[in-house]
Amino acid sequence: TLKALELLTECYILVQGNTVCVMGPYKGLKTARRVVEDCIKNVHPIYHIKSLMIRKELANDPRLANENWERFLPNFKKRNVQSRR
């Protein structure tokens, strides 16, 4: 997942312990920061990777450049599991 994030954000990402270092263009830094902060909040990065891959493909298509991309992006539902007492 780390290599996939590096390819999608065009940034170099280094993780050591609780520290994350990201070097690259500003747009990639913003995306990588959002993914890392959600990882700390216990959200798996594969959700972000899927949507980033779809956004990258949509950005390459000139016909869809001016349209809303929400219909192509996945909607992940939160599932709260009730624990027994």
C-alpha atoms as a PDB file:
ATOM      1  CA  THR A   1       0.000   0.000   0.000  1.00  0.00           C
ATOM      2  CA  LEU A   2       2.923   2.348   0.630  1.00  0.00           C
ATOM      3  CA  LYS A   3       4.258   1.941  -2.913  1.00  0.00           C
ATOM      4  CA  ALA A   4       0.755   2.441  -4.348  1.00  0.00           C
ATOM      5  CA  LEU A   5       0.403   5.677  -2.369  1.00  0.00           C
ATOM      6  CA  GLU A   6       3.790   6.851  -3.623  1.00  0.00           C
ATOM      7  CA  LEU A   7       2.779   6.199  -7.235  1.00  0.00           C
ATOM      8  CA  LEU A   8      -0.636   7.858  -6.898  1.00  0.00           C
ATOM      9  CA  THR A   9       0.524  10.946  -4.994  1.00  0.00           C
ATOM     10  CA  GLU A  10       3.884  11.278  -6.802  1.00  0.00           C
ATOM     11  CA  CYS A  11       5.531  11.703  -3.379  1.00  0.00           C
ATOM     12  CA  TYR A  12       8.218   9.822  -1.477  1.00  0.00           C
ATOM     13  CA  ILE A  13       6.827   8.450   1.798  1.00  0.00           C
ATOM     14  CA  LEU A  14       8.968   7.197   4.670  1.00  0.00           C
ATOM     15  CA  VAL A  15       7.471   5.605   7.783  1.00  0.00           C
ATOM     16  CA  GLN A  16       9.562   4.929  10.851  1.00  0.00           C
ATOM     17  CA  GLY A  17       7.785   4.159  14.107  1.00  0.00           C
ATOM     18  CA  ASN A  18       5.105   6.787  14.744  1.00  0.00           C
ATOM     19  CA  THR A  19       6.746   9.272  12.350  1.00  0.00           C
ATOM     20  CA  VAL A  20       5.797   9.750   8.700  1.00  0.00           C
ATOM     21  CA  CYS A  21       7.886  11.826   6.288  1.00  0.00           C
ATOM     22  CA  VAL A  22       6.492  12.875   2.891  1.00  0.00           C
ATOM     23  CA  MET A  23       8.394  14.731   0.150  1.00  0.00           C
ATOM     24  CA  GLY A  24       6.874  15.821  -3.128  1.00  0.00           C
ATOM     25  CA  PRO A  25       4.524  18.298  -4.813  1.00  0.00           C
ATOM     26  CA  TYR A  26       1.983  20.190  -2.700  1.00  0.00           C
ATOM     27  CA  LYS A  27      -1.059  18.435  -4.162  1.00  0.00           C
ATOM     28  CA  GLY A  28       0.459  15.046  -3.360  1.00  0.00           C
ATOM     29  CA  LEU A  29       1.383  16.180   0.155  1.00  0.00           C
ATOM     30  CA  LYS A  30      -2.219  17.173   0.838  1.00  0.00           C
ATOM     31  CA  THR A  31      -3.492  13.785  -0.312  1.00  0.00           C
ATOM     32  CA  ALA A  32      -0.836  11.819   1.571  1.00  0.00           C
ATOM     33  CA  ARG A  33      -1.520  13.793   4.761  1.00  0.00           C
ATOM     34  CA  ARG A  34      -5.247  12.998   4.571  1.00  0.00           C
ATOM     35  CA  VAL A  35      -4.492   9.281   4.125  1.00  0.00           C
ATOM     36  CA  VAL A  36      -1.977   9.209   7.005  1.00  0.00           C
ATOM     37  CA  GLU A  37      -4.307  11.084   9.366  1.00  0.00           C
ATOM     38  CA  ASP A  38      -7.119   8.649   8.567  1.00  0.00           C
ATOM     39  CA  CYS A  39      -4.734   5.730   9.212  1.00  0.00           C
ATOM     40  CA  ILE A  40      -4.133   7.142  12.671  1.00  0.00           C
ATOM     41  CA  LYS A  41      -7.937   7.320  13.094  1.00  0.00           C
ATOM     42  CA  ASN A  42      -8.048   3.583  12.262  1.00  0.00           C
ATOM     43  CA  VAL A  43      -9.297   3.884   8.653  1.00  0.00           C
ATOM     44  CA  HIS A  44      -7.602   1.457   6.264  1.00  0.00           C
ATOM     45  CA  PRO A  45      -5.675   3.210   3.447  1.00  0.00           C
ATOM     46  CA  ILE A  46      -7.110   0.911   0.746  1.00  0.00           C
ATOM     47  CA  TYR A  47     -10.299   3.024   0.761  1.00  0.00           C
ATOM     48  CA  HIS A  48      -8.296   6.111  -0.186  1.00  0.00           C
ATOM     49  CA  ILE A  49      -6.164   4.206  -2.697  1.00  0.00           C
ATOM     50  CA  LYS A  50      -9.262   2.991  -4.565  1.00  0.00           C
ATOM     51  CA  SER A  51     -10.722   6.472  -4.881  1.00  0.00           C
ATOM     52  CA  LEU A  52      -7.327   7.947  -5.852  1.00  0.00           C
ATOM     53  CA  MET A  53      -6.957   5.386  -8.641  1.00  0.00           C
ATOM     54  CA  ILE A  54     -10.434   6.220  -9.964  1.00  0.00           C
ATOM     55  CA  ARG A  55      -9.748   9.986  -9.770  1.00  0.00           C
ATOM     56  CA  LYS A  56      -6.499   9.548 -11.702  1.00  0.00           C
ATOM     57  CA  GLU A  57      -8.267   7.644 -14.482  1.00  0.00           C
ATOM     58  CA  LEU A  58     -11.070  10.236 -14.635  1.00  0.00           C
ATOM     59  CA  ALA A  59      -8.549  13.088 -14.831  1.00  0.00           C
ATOM     60  CA  ASN A  60      -7.056  11.510 -17.967  1.00  0.00           C
ATOM     61  CA  ASP A  61     -10.445  11.422 -19.751  1.00  0.00           C
ATOM     62  CA  PRO A  62     -11.108  14.788 -21.475  1.00  0.00           C
ATOM     63  CA  ARG A  63     -14.852  14.070 -21.911  1.00  0.00           C
ATOM     64  CA  LEU A  64     -15.361  13.815 -18.120  1.00  0.00           C
ATOM     65  CA  ALA A  65     -13.206  16.819 -17.188  1.00  0.00           C
ATOM     66  CA  ASN A  66     -16.171  19.155 -16.601  1.00  0.00           C
ATOM     67  CA  GLU A  67     -18.564  16.620 -15.072  1.00  0.00           C
ATOM     68  CA  ASN A  68     -19.211  15.662 -11.452  1.00  0.00           C
ATOM     69  CA  TRP A  69     -17.226  12.544 -10.504  1.00  0.00           C
ATOM     70  CA  GLU A  70     -19.270  11.575  -7.441  1.00  0.00           C
ATOM     71  CA  ARG A  71     -21.140   8.853  -9.335  1.00  0.00           C
ATOM     72  CA  PHE A  72     -17.862   7.080 -10.157  1.00  0.00           C
ATOM     73  CA  LEU A  73     -16.341   7.235  -6.672  1.00  0.00           C
ATOM     74  CA  PRO A  74     -17.117   4.409  -4.226  1.00  0.00           C
ATOM     75  CA  ASN A  75     -19.301   5.032  -1.186  1.00  0.00           C
ATOM     76  CA  PHE A  76     -18.027   3.132   1.826  1.00  0.00           C
ATOM     77  CA  LYS A  77     -20.501   2.673   4.631  1.00  0.00           C
ATOM     78  CA  LYS A  78     -19.442   2.741   8.242  1.00  0.00           C
ATOM     79  CA  ARG A  79     -20.342  -0.412  10.086  1.00  0.00           C
ATOM     80  CA  ASN A  80     -20.455  -0.108  13.843  1.00  0.00           C
ATOM     81  CA  VAL A  81     -20.476  -3.534  15.401  1.00  0.00           C
ATOM     82  CA  GLN A  82     -22.428  -3.712  18.633  1.00  0.00           C
ATOM     83  CA  SER A  83     -20.500  -5.467  21.390  1.00  0.00           C
ATOM     84  CA  ARG A  84     -22.254  -7.740  23.838  1.00  0.00           C
ATOM     85  CA  ARG A  85     -22.228  -6.785  27.480  1.00  0.00           C
END
